[in-house]
């Protein structure tokens, strides 16, 4: 794994974190306990901060980045991800906020200052435009993402199941391949 210091900021890892050897973490990043970062993931906190909550998993080939602070945009756009979030393969998250127990489908793109409230299911290949807010408890699909239907109890329960499953898988994987946790 590549963990790089940038502008004096070193990524901070919580307890029992799994970072695959091919992942790259740069700069102002904090990972909560039992976070798993899978092959080919790039998390670049070079010009703003990235915070990822406990038991969140970031799957293969995803890119997480931020927007710099400027005169036009004094705060820039940090990236904040809650706990028990599943981020599917090849997702791009840029300067947005993903709250607890969300699932971001494969190949989705979430832009600056967009907010996914807790327990949102964003279908594969969706695009969430800048500044858009997705309401808790709904399935969203499309480019741009549109509210499709309320999630049922089984789907809502799946968020915590998936997070726990990935925490278990990361622990097994780390033991099998000798990657640190």
N, C-alpha and C. Protein backbone atom coordinates (compact mmCIF):
# COMPACT_ATOMS: atom_id res chain seq x y z
N UNK A 1 0.85 -1.18 0.00
CA UNK A 1 0.00 0.00 0.00
C UNK A 1 0.88 1.23 0.00
N UNK A 2 0.37 2.27 -0.59
CA UNK A 2 1.10 3.52 -0.64
C UNK A 2 0.39 4.52 0.26
N UNK A 3 1.05 4.91 1.34
CA UNK A 3 0.53 5.96 2.22
C UNK A 3 1.53 7.10 2.16
N UNK A 4 1.07 8.24 1.63
CA UNK A 4 1.99 9.33 1.36
C UNK A 4 1.65 10.58 2.17
N UNK A 5 2.70 11.23 2.64
CA UNK A 5 2.58 12.51 3.33
C UNK A 5 2.48 13.60 2.27
N UNK A 6 1.57 14.54 2.48
CA UNK A 6 1.48 15.69 1.59
C UNK A 6 1.24 16.92 2.44
N UNK A 7 2.06 17.96 2.23
CA UNK A 7 1.98 19.20 3.02
C UNK A 7 1.99 18.90 4.52
N UNK A 8 2.78 17.94 4.91
CA UNK A 8 2.93 17.58 6.32
C UNK A 8 1.79 16.76 6.88
N UNK A 9 0.82 16.40 6.07
CA UNK A 9 -0.34 15.63 6.53
C UNK A 9 -0.15 14.16 6.15
N UNK A 10 -0.24 13.29 7.15
CA UNK A 10 -0.12 11.85 6.94
C UNK A 10 -1.48 11.20 7.18
N UNK A 11 -1.93 10.31 6.30
CA UNK A 11 -3.19 9.61 6.56
C UNK A 11 -3.16 8.91 7.91
N UNK A 12 -4.29 8.98 8.62
CA UNK A 12 -4.43 8.35 9.94
C UNK A 12 -5.39 7.18 9.81
N UNK A 13 -4.98 6.03 10.33
CA UNK A 13 -5.78 4.82 10.22
C UNK A 13 -6.29 4.40 11.59
N UNK A 14 -7.57 4.08 11.68
CA UNK A 14 -8.15 3.58 12.91
C UNK A 14 -7.73 2.14 13.19
N UNK A 15 -8.35 1.55 14.17
CA UNK A 15 -8.08 0.18 14.58
C UNK A 15 -8.63 -0.81 13.55
N UNK A 16 -7.86 -1.85 13.26
CA UNK A 16 -8.28 -2.95 12.39
C UNK A 16 -8.68 -2.49 10.99
N UNK A 17 -7.98 -1.49 10.48
CA UNK A 17 -8.21 -1.01 9.12
C UNK A 17 -7.47 -1.92 8.14
N UNK A 18 -8.11 -2.23 7.03
CA UNK A 18 -7.48 -3.00 5.96
C UNK A 18 -7.30 -2.10 4.75
N UNK A 19 -6.06 -1.96 4.30
CA UNK A 19 -5.76 -1.22 3.08
C UNK A 19 -5.00 -2.16 2.17
N UNK A 20 -5.57 -2.48 1.03
CA UNK A 20 -4.92 -3.40 0.09
C UNK A 20 -3.60 -2.81 -0.39
N UNK A 21 -2.67 -3.69 -0.71
CA UNK A 21 -1.33 -3.28 -1.14
C UNK A 21 -1.34 -2.37 -2.36
N UNK A 22 -2.34 -2.47 -3.22
CA UNK A 22 -2.36 -1.64 -4.44
C UNK A 22 -3.13 -0.33 -4.28
N UNK A 23 -3.63 -0.05 -3.09
CA UNK A 23 -4.35 1.20 -2.85
C UNK A 23 -3.36 2.32 -2.55
N UNK A 24 -3.81 3.57 -2.75
CA UNK A 24 -2.97 4.74 -2.52
C UNK A 24 -3.74 5.78 -1.71
N UNK A 25 -3.17 6.17 -0.56
CA UNK A 25 -3.76 7.18 0.31
C UNK A 25 -2.77 8.33 0.45
N UNK A 26 -3.25 9.56 0.20
CA UNK A 26 -2.37 10.72 0.21
C UNK A 26 -2.98 11.84 1.05
N UNK A 27 -2.20 12.36 2.01
CA UNK A 27 -2.54 13.60 2.68
C UNK A 27 -3.49 13.52 3.85
N UNK A 28 -4.41 14.48 3.92
CA UNK A 28 -5.29 14.72 5.06
C UNK A 28 -6.47 13.75 5.04
N UNK A 29 -6.22 12.53 5.49
CA UNK A 29 -7.21 11.46 5.47
C UNK A 29 -7.30 10.85 6.86
N UNK A 30 -8.51 10.56 7.32
CA UNK A 30 -8.71 9.81 8.55
C UNK A 30 -9.70 8.69 8.28
N UNK A 31 -9.27 7.47 8.58
CA UNK A 31 -10.12 6.29 8.42
C UNK A 31 -10.53 5.79 9.80
N UNK A 32 -11.82 5.57 10.01
CA UNK A 32 -12.33 5.03 11.27
C UNK A 32 -11.98 3.56 11.42
N UNK A 33 -12.36 2.99 12.54
CA UNK A 33 -12.09 1.59 12.82
C UNK A 33 -12.77 0.67 11.82
N UNK A 34 -12.08 -0.40 11.47
CA UNK A 34 -12.58 -1.47 10.61
C UNK A 34 -12.97 -1.01 9.19
N UNK A 35 -12.41 0.09 8.74
CA UNK A 35 -12.60 0.52 7.35
C UNK A 35 -11.81 -0.43 6.46
N UNK A 36 -12.34 -0.72 5.28
CA UNK A 36 -11.58 -1.53 4.32
C UNK A 36 -11.47 -0.79 2.99
N UNK A 37 -10.23 -0.77 2.48
CA UNK A 37 -9.89 -0.10 1.23
C UNK A 37 -9.35 -1.18 0.30
N UNK A 38 -9.99 -1.40 -0.81
CA UNK A 38 -9.74 -2.56 -1.66
C UNK A 38 -8.82 -2.22 -2.84
N UNK A 39 -8.46 -3.20 -3.69
CA UNK A 39 -7.45 -2.99 -4.73
C UNK A 39 -7.74 -1.80 -5.66
N UNK A 40 -6.67 -1.06 -5.94
CA UNK A 40 -6.73 0.00 -6.93
C UNK A 40 -7.44 1.27 -6.51
N UNK A 41 -7.78 1.39 -5.24
CA UNK A 41 -8.47 2.59 -4.75
C UNK A 41 -7.45 3.72 -4.58
N UNK A 42 -7.85 4.93 -4.98
CA UNK A 42 -7.05 6.13 -4.75
C UNK A 42 -7.86 7.08 -3.89
N UNK A 43 -7.29 7.48 -2.75
CA UNK A 43 -7.92 8.45 -1.86
C UNK A 43 -6.92 9.59 -1.70
N UNK A 44 -7.27 10.75 -2.28
CA UNK A 44 -6.31 11.84 -2.36
C UNK A 44 -6.83 13.06 -1.59
N UNK A 45 -6.36 13.19 -0.36
CA UNK A 45 -6.69 14.33 0.49
C UNK A 45 -5.59 15.37 0.43
N UNK A 46 -5.26 15.82 -0.75
CA UNK A 46 -4.13 16.73 -0.92
C UNK A 46 -4.51 18.20 -0.73
N UNK A 47 -5.71 18.60 -1.14
CA UNK A 47 -6.07 20.02 -1.07
C UNK A 47 -7.27 20.29 -0.16
N UNK A 48 -7.75 19.26 0.52
CA UNK A 48 -8.82 19.37 1.50
C UNK A 48 -8.86 18.05 2.25
N UNK A 49 -9.74 17.92 3.22
CA UNK A 49 -9.75 16.73 4.07
C UNK A 49 -10.72 15.66 3.59
N UNK A 50 -10.38 14.42 3.96
CA UNK A 50 -11.25 13.28 3.71
C UNK A 50 -11.40 12.52 5.03
N UNK A 51 -12.66 12.26 5.43
CA UNK A 51 -12.95 11.53 6.65
C UNK A 51 -13.89 10.38 6.29
N UNK A 52 -13.54 9.17 6.76
CA UNK A 52 -14.32 7.98 6.46
C UNK A 52 -14.63 7.27 7.77
N UNK A 53 -15.93 7.04 8.03
CA UNK A 53 -16.39 6.46 9.29
C UNK A 53 -16.20 4.96 9.39
N UNK A 54 -16.38 4.46 10.59
CA UNK A 54 -16.16 3.05 10.93
C UNK A 54 -16.95 2.10 10.03
N UNK A 55 -16.30 0.99 9.71
CA UNK A 55 -16.88 -0.14 8.97
C UNK A 55 -17.30 0.22 7.55
N UNK A 56 -16.85 1.35 7.05
CA UNK A 56 -17.13 1.68 5.65
C UNK A 56 -16.16 0.91 4.77
N UNK A 57 -16.64 0.48 3.60
CA UNK A 57 -15.76 -0.20 2.64
C UNK A 57 -15.76 0.55 1.33
N UNK A 58 -14.55 0.68 0.76
CA UNK A 58 -14.36 1.36 -0.51
C UNK A 58 -13.80 0.31 -1.47
N UNK A 59 -14.61 -0.06 -2.45
CA UNK A 59 -14.28 -1.20 -3.29
C UNK A 59 -13.42 -0.83 -4.49
N UNK A 60 -12.92 -1.85 -5.13
CA UNK A 60 -11.90 -1.82 -6.18
C UNK A 60 -12.09 -0.69 -7.20
N UNK A 61 -10.99 0.04 -7.43
CA UNK A 61 -10.94 1.03 -8.50
C UNK A 61 -11.66 2.33 -8.22
N UNK A 62 -12.11 2.55 -7.00
CA UNK A 62 -12.80 3.81 -6.70
C UNK A 62 -11.81 4.95 -6.49
N UNK A 63 -12.27 6.17 -6.73
CA UNK A 63 -11.46 7.37 -6.58
C UNK A 63 -12.20 8.34 -5.67
N UNK A 64 -11.51 8.79 -4.62
CA UNK A 64 -12.08 9.75 -3.67
C UNK A 64 -11.17 10.98 -3.66
N UNK A 65 -11.77 12.15 -3.93
CA UNK A 65 -10.98 13.38 -3.98
C UNK A 65 -11.80 14.55 -3.47
N UNK A 66 -11.20 15.73 -3.46
CA UNK A 66 -11.75 16.93 -2.84
C UNK A 66 -11.49 18.15 -3.72
N UNK A 67 -12.08 19.29 -3.34
CA UNK A 67 -11.84 20.55 -4.04
C UNK A 67 -11.10 21.51 -3.12
N UNK A 68 -10.13 22.21 -3.68
CA UNK A 68 -9.29 23.13 -2.90
C UNK A 68 -10.08 24.36 -2.45
N UNK A 69 -9.55 25.00 -1.42
CA UNK A 69 -10.10 26.25 -0.92
C UNK A 69 -9.60 27.37 -1.84
N UNK A 70 -10.49 28.33 -2.13
CA UNK A 70 -10.12 29.43 -3.02
C UNK A 70 -10.88 30.69 -2.60
N UNK A 71 -10.57 31.79 -3.24
CA UNK A 71 -11.28 33.04 -2.95
C UNK A 71 -12.76 32.89 -3.32
N UNK A 72 -13.02 32.23 -4.41
CA UNK A 72 -14.40 32.01 -4.87
C UNK A 72 -15.14 31.01 -3.97
N UNK A 73 -14.40 30.07 -3.41
CA UNK A 73 -14.98 28.99 -2.62
C UNK A 73 -14.10 28.77 -1.38
N UNK A 74 -14.25 29.64 -0.33
CA UNK A 74 -13.33 29.62 0.81
C UNK A 74 -13.22 28.28 1.54
N UNK A 75 -14.29 27.50 1.58
CA UNK A 75 -14.23 26.20 2.26
C UNK A 75 -13.77 25.08 1.34
N UNK A 76 -13.79 25.34 0.02
CA UNK A 76 -13.53 24.25 -0.92
C UNK A 76 -14.63 23.22 -0.76
N UNK A 77 -14.28 21.96 -0.96
CA UNK A 77 -15.25 20.87 -0.74
C UNK A 77 -14.49 19.67 -0.19
N UNK A 78 -14.65 19.45 1.13
CA UNK A 78 -14.07 18.28 1.78
C UNK A 78 -14.94 17.07 1.43
N UNK A 79 -14.44 15.88 1.71
CA UNK A 79 -15.19 14.64 1.50
C UNK A 79 -15.42 13.99 2.86
N UNK A 80 -16.68 13.81 3.22
CA UNK A 80 -17.03 13.19 4.49
C UNK A 80 -17.96 12.01 4.24
N UNK A 81 -17.55 10.86 4.73
CA UNK A 81 -18.31 9.63 4.55
C UNK A 81 -18.58 9.06 5.94
N UNK A 82 -19.83 8.72 6.20
CA UNK A 82 -20.24 8.22 7.50
C UNK A 82 -19.81 6.79 7.76
N UNK A 83 -20.45 6.18 8.74
CA UNK A 83 -20.14 4.80 9.13
C UNK A 83 -21.05 3.84 8.37
N UNK A 84 -20.55 2.61 8.21
CA UNK A 84 -21.32 1.52 7.60
C UNK A 84 -21.79 1.84 6.18
N UNK A 85 -20.93 2.51 5.43
CA UNK A 85 -21.23 2.86 4.04
C UNK A 85 -20.53 1.85 3.13
N UNK A 86 -21.22 1.42 2.08
CA UNK A 86 -20.62 0.57 1.06
C UNK A 86 -20.49 1.38 -0.21
N UNK A 87 -19.24 1.49 -0.68
CA UNK A 87 -18.93 2.22 -1.90
C UNK A 87 -18.51 1.19 -2.93
N UNK A 88 -19.34 0.98 -3.94
CA UNK A 88 -19.12 -0.06 -4.94
C UNK A 88 -17.90 0.17 -5.80
N UNK A 89 -17.63 -0.77 -6.68
CA UNK A 89 -16.47 -0.72 -7.58
C UNK A 89 -16.55 0.48 -8.51
N UNK A 90 -15.39 1.10 -8.74
CA UNK A 90 -15.23 2.18 -9.72
C UNK A 90 -16.16 3.37 -9.49
N UNK A 91 -16.36 3.72 -8.24
CA UNK A 91 -17.16 4.90 -7.87
C UNK A 91 -16.23 6.10 -7.77
N UNK A 92 -16.72 7.28 -8.14
CA UNK A 92 -15.99 8.52 -7.92
C UNK A 92 -16.81 9.38 -6.96
N UNK A 93 -16.20 9.71 -5.84
CA UNK A 93 -16.80 10.63 -4.86
C UNK A 93 -15.90 11.85 -4.81
N UNK A 94 -16.49 13.04 -5.04
CA UNK A 94 -15.69 14.26 -5.11
C UNK A 94 -16.30 15.34 -4.23
N UNK A 95 -15.66 15.63 -3.10
CA UNK A 95 -16.05 16.76 -2.26
C UNK A 95 -17.50 16.74 -1.82
N UNK A 96 -18.03 15.57 -1.50
CA UNK A 96 -19.44 15.43 -1.14
C UNK A 96 -19.57 14.91 0.29
N UNK A 97 -20.80 14.72 0.74
CA UNK A 97 -21.06 14.15 2.06
C UNK A 97 -21.99 12.94 1.90
N UNK A 98 -21.50 11.79 2.36
CA UNK A 98 -22.27 10.56 2.34
C UNK A 98 -22.52 10.22 3.81
N UNK A 99 -23.77 10.24 4.24
CA UNK A 99 -24.06 9.98 5.64
C UNK A 99 -24.16 8.48 5.91
N UNK A 100 -24.43 8.09 7.15
CA UNK A 100 -24.37 6.69 7.60
C UNK A 100 -25.28 5.76 6.80
N UNK A 101 -24.80 4.51 6.67
CA UNK A 101 -25.56 3.40 6.11
C UNK A 101 -26.13 3.69 4.72
N UNK A 102 -25.27 4.13 3.82
CA UNK A 102 -25.64 4.29 2.42
C UNK A 102 -24.94 3.21 1.60
N UNK A 103 -25.48 2.95 0.43
CA UNK A 103 -24.83 2.08 -0.53
C UNK A 103 -24.75 2.83 -1.86
N UNK A 104 -23.51 2.97 -2.34
CA UNK A 104 -23.26 3.68 -3.59
C UNK A 104 -22.94 2.62 -4.64
N UNK A 105 -23.81 2.46 -5.63
CA UNK A 105 -23.66 1.42 -6.64
C UNK A 105 -22.45 1.62 -7.54
N UNK A 106 -22.00 0.52 -8.12
CA UNK A 106 -20.83 0.50 -9.00
C UNK A 106 -20.91 1.58 -10.08
N UNK A 107 -19.76 2.23 -10.31
CA UNK A 107 -19.67 3.19 -11.40
C UNK A 107 -20.41 4.49 -11.19
N UNK A 108 -20.87 4.75 -9.99
CA UNK A 108 -21.59 6.01 -9.73
C UNK A 108 -20.62 7.16 -9.53
N UNK A 109 -21.15 8.38 -9.68
CA UNK A 109 -20.37 9.59 -9.54
C UNK A 109 -21.19 10.57 -8.68
N UNK A 110 -20.56 11.06 -7.59
CA UNK A 110 -21.22 12.01 -6.70
C UNK A 110 -20.33 13.25 -6.62
N UNK A 111 -20.90 14.40 -7.00
CA UNK A 111 -20.13 15.63 -7.17
C UNK A 111 -20.10 16.51 -5.91
N UNK A 112 -19.31 17.59 -5.99
CA UNK A 112 -19.09 18.52 -4.89
C UNK A 112 -20.39 18.98 -4.23
N UNK A 113 -20.33 18.99 -2.91
CA UNK A 113 -21.39 19.51 -2.05
C UNK A 113 -22.73 18.78 -2.18
N UNK A 114 -22.74 17.66 -2.87
CA UNK A 114 -23.94 16.81 -2.86
C UNK A 114 -23.98 16.13 -1.49
N UNK A 115 -25.20 15.81 -1.05
CA UNK A 115 -25.38 15.14 0.25
C UNK A 115 -26.29 13.94 0.05
N UNK A 116 -25.84 12.80 0.53
CA UNK A 116 -26.70 11.63 0.62
C UNK A 116 -27.03 11.46 2.09
N UNK A 117 -28.28 11.68 2.44
CA UNK A 117 -28.71 11.52 3.82
C UNK A 117 -28.59 10.04 4.21
N UNK A 118 -28.72 9.71 5.50
CA UNK A 118 -28.56 8.32 5.92
C UNK A 118 -29.51 7.38 5.17
N UNK A 119 -29.00 6.16 4.89
CA UNK A 119 -29.79 5.07 4.34
C UNK A 119 -30.35 5.38 2.95
N UNK A 120 -29.47 5.84 2.08
CA UNK A 120 -29.81 6.04 0.67
C UNK A 120 -29.16 4.92 -0.13
N UNK A 121 -29.90 4.38 -1.08
CA UNK A 121 -29.37 3.41 -2.03
C UNK A 121 -29.26 4.11 -3.38
N UNK A 122 -28.02 4.30 -3.85
CA UNK A 122 -27.77 4.94 -5.13
C UNK A 122 -27.42 3.84 -6.12
N UNK A 123 -28.28 3.63 -7.11
CA UNK A 123 -28.11 2.55 -8.07
C UNK A 123 -26.86 2.70 -8.93
N UNK A 124 -26.38 1.58 -9.44
CA UNK A 124 -25.17 1.53 -10.27
C UNK A 124 -25.25 2.52 -11.43
N UNK A 125 -24.12 3.18 -11.68
CA UNK A 125 -24.00 4.09 -12.82
C UNK A 125 -24.68 5.43 -12.67
N UNK A 126 -25.13 5.76 -11.47
CA UNK A 126 -25.86 7.01 -11.26
C UNK A 126 -24.92 8.20 -11.13
N UNK A 127 -25.46 9.39 -11.40
CA UNK A 127 -24.74 10.65 -11.26
C UNK A 127 -25.53 11.56 -10.34
N UNK A 128 -24.87 12.01 -9.27
CA UNK A 128 -25.50 12.98 -8.36
C UNK A 128 -24.81 14.32 -8.61
N UNK A 129 -25.54 15.29 -9.19
CA UNK A 129 -24.95 16.58 -9.54
C UNK A 129 -24.53 17.39 -8.30
N UNK A 130 -23.71 18.37 -8.56
CA UNK A 130 -23.21 19.26 -7.51
C UNK A 130 -24.36 19.86 -6.70
N UNK A 131 -24.23 19.81 -5.37
CA UNK A 131 -25.17 20.44 -4.47
C UNK A 131 -26.49 19.71 -4.25
N UNK A 132 -26.73 18.63 -4.91
CA UNK A 132 -28.00 17.88 -4.81
C UNK A 132 -28.08 17.16 -3.47
N UNK A 133 -29.27 17.09 -2.88
CA UNK A 133 -29.50 16.37 -1.62
C UNK A 133 -30.42 15.20 -1.90
N UNK A 134 -29.97 13.99 -1.55
CA UNK A 134 -30.79 12.79 -1.70
C UNK A 134 -31.37 12.42 -0.35
N UNK A 135 -32.69 12.27 -0.30
CA UNK A 135 -33.44 12.03 0.93
C UNK A 135 -33.25 10.63 1.49
N UNK A 136 -33.19 10.55 2.80
CA UNK A 136 -33.04 9.29 3.52
C UNK A 136 -34.16 8.31 3.18
N UNK A 137 -33.78 7.01 3.05
CA UNK A 137 -34.77 5.95 2.89
C UNK A 137 -35.27 5.72 1.48
N UNK A 138 -34.57 6.25 0.47
CA UNK A 138 -35.02 6.14 -0.92
C UNK A 138 -33.98 5.48 -1.81
N UNK A 139 -34.45 4.87 -2.88
CA UNK A 139 -33.62 4.39 -3.98
C UNK A 139 -33.58 5.49 -5.03
N UNK A 140 -32.35 5.80 -5.49
CA UNK A 140 -32.14 6.77 -6.56
C UNK A 140 -31.41 6.07 -7.71
N UNK A 141 -31.79 6.42 -8.93
CA UNK A 141 -31.17 5.85 -10.13
C UNK A 141 -31.04 6.91 -11.21
N UNK A 142 -30.04 6.75 -12.07
CA UNK A 142 -29.98 7.54 -13.30
C UNK A 142 -28.92 8.61 -13.33
N UNK A 143 -28.90 9.29 -14.49
CA UNK A 143 -27.95 10.37 -14.77
C UNK A 143 -28.73 11.54 -15.34
N UNK A 144 -29.15 12.48 -14.55
CA UNK A 144 -28.90 12.62 -13.13
C UNK A 144 -29.79 11.68 -12.30
N UNK A 145 -29.34 11.43 -11.07
CA UNK A 145 -30.08 10.53 -10.19
C UNK A 145 -31.46 11.10 -9.88
N UNK A 146 -32.46 10.20 -9.96
CA UNK A 146 -33.85 10.57 -9.65
C UNK A 146 -34.40 9.63 -8.59
N UNK A 147 -35.24 10.19 -7.75
CA UNK A 147 -35.88 9.40 -6.69
C UNK A 147 -36.83 8.40 -7.35
N UNK A 148 -36.65 7.10 -7.03
CA UNK A 148 -37.44 6.05 -7.68
C UNK A 148 -38.53 5.52 -6.75
N UNK A 149 -38.14 5.08 -5.54
CA UNK A 149 -39.13 4.53 -4.61
C UNK A 149 -38.53 4.45 -3.21
N UNK A 150 -39.42 4.32 -2.23
CA UNK A 150 -38.98 4.12 -0.85
C UNK A 150 -38.36 2.74 -0.72
N UNK A 151 -37.35 2.64 0.16
CA UNK A 151 -36.72 1.35 0.42
C UNK A 151 -37.58 0.55 1.39
N UNK A 152 -37.61 -0.77 1.21
CA UNK A 152 -38.36 -1.61 2.14
C UNK A 152 -37.47 -2.03 3.32
N UNK A 153 -38.06 -2.67 4.30
CA UNK A 153 -37.32 -3.04 5.52
C UNK A 153 -36.13 -3.95 5.22
N UNK A 154 -36.28 -4.88 4.31
CA UNK A 154 -35.19 -5.79 3.96
C UNK A 154 -34.02 -5.01 3.35
N UNK A 155 -34.32 -4.06 2.49
CA UNK A 155 -33.27 -3.25 1.88
C UNK A 155 -32.59 -2.36 2.92
N UNK A 156 -33.35 -1.81 3.83
CA UNK A 156 -32.76 -0.98 4.88
C UNK A 156 -31.85 -1.79 5.79
N UNK A 157 -32.22 -3.03 6.08
CA UNK A 157 -31.40 -3.91 6.93
C UNK A 157 -30.11 -4.30 6.22
N UNK A 158 -30.13 -4.30 4.91
CA UNK A 158 -28.96 -4.71 4.14
C UNK A 158 -27.76 -3.80 4.34
N UNK A 159 -27.98 -2.52 4.62
CA UNK A 159 -26.87 -1.58 4.80
C UNK A 159 -25.92 -2.05 5.90
N UNK A 160 -26.45 -2.34 7.09
CA UNK A 160 -25.59 -2.77 8.19
C UNK A 160 -25.04 -4.17 7.95
N UNK A 161 -25.83 -5.04 7.32
CA UNK A 161 -25.34 -6.38 6.99
C UNK A 161 -24.12 -6.29 6.08
N UNK A 162 -24.22 -5.49 5.03
CA UNK A 162 -23.13 -5.37 4.05
C UNK A 162 -21.88 -4.80 4.70
N UNK A 163 -22.02 -3.80 5.55
CA UNK A 163 -20.86 -3.22 6.24
C UNK A 163 -20.19 -4.26 7.13
N UNK A 164 -20.96 -5.01 7.89
CA UNK A 164 -20.40 -6.05 8.77
C UNK A 164 -19.74 -7.14 7.94
N UNK A 165 -20.35 -7.51 6.83
CA UNK A 165 -19.79 -8.55 5.97
C UNK A 165 -18.44 -8.11 5.41
N UNK A 166 -18.32 -6.86 4.98
CA UNK A 166 -17.05 -6.38 4.45
C UNK A 166 -15.99 -6.26 5.55
N UNK A 167 -16.38 -5.90 6.77
CA UNK A 167 -15.42 -5.87 7.88
C UNK A 167 -14.87 -7.28 8.14
N UNK A 168 -15.75 -8.27 8.10
CA UNK A 168 -15.32 -9.67 8.29
C UNK A 168 -14.42 -10.10 7.15
N UNK A 169 -14.83 -9.80 5.91
CA UNK A 169 -14.04 -10.17 4.74
C UNK A 169 -12.65 -9.54 4.78
N UNK A 170 -12.58 -8.28 5.16
CA UNK A 170 -11.28 -7.58 5.24
C UNK A 170 -10.37 -8.26 6.25
N UNK A 171 -10.92 -8.66 7.38
CA UNK A 171 -10.12 -9.35 8.39
C UNK A 171 -9.59 -10.68 7.87
N UNK A 172 -10.44 -11.44 7.20
CA UNK A 172 -10.03 -12.71 6.60
C UNK A 172 -8.99 -12.49 5.51
N UNK A 173 -9.22 -11.51 4.68
CA UNK A 173 -8.33 -11.21 3.57
C UNK A 173 -6.95 -10.79 4.09
N UNK A 174 -6.93 -9.93 5.10
CA UNK A 174 -5.67 -9.49 5.67
C UNK A 174 -4.87 -10.67 6.21
N UNK A 175 -5.52 -11.59 6.87
CA UNK A 175 -4.85 -12.77 7.41
C UNK A 175 -4.32 -13.66 6.29
N UNK A 176 -5.10 -13.81 5.23
CA UNK A 176 -4.72 -14.70 4.14
C UNK A 176 -3.57 -14.17 3.28
N UNK A 177 -3.57 -12.86 3.03
CA UNK A 177 -2.56 -12.29 2.14
C UNK A 177 -1.46 -11.53 2.87
N UNK A 178 -1.59 -11.43 4.18
CA UNK A 178 -0.56 -10.78 4.96
C UNK A 178 -0.56 -9.27 4.90
N UNK A 179 -1.67 -8.67 4.46
CA UNK A 179 -1.78 -7.21 4.46
C UNK A 179 -2.06 -6.73 5.88
N UNK A 180 -1.55 -5.59 6.24
CA UNK A 180 -1.77 -5.09 7.61
C UNK A 180 -3.21 -4.68 7.86
N UNK A 181 -3.62 -4.84 9.10
CA UNK A 181 -4.88 -4.29 9.59
C UNK A 181 -4.61 -3.54 10.85
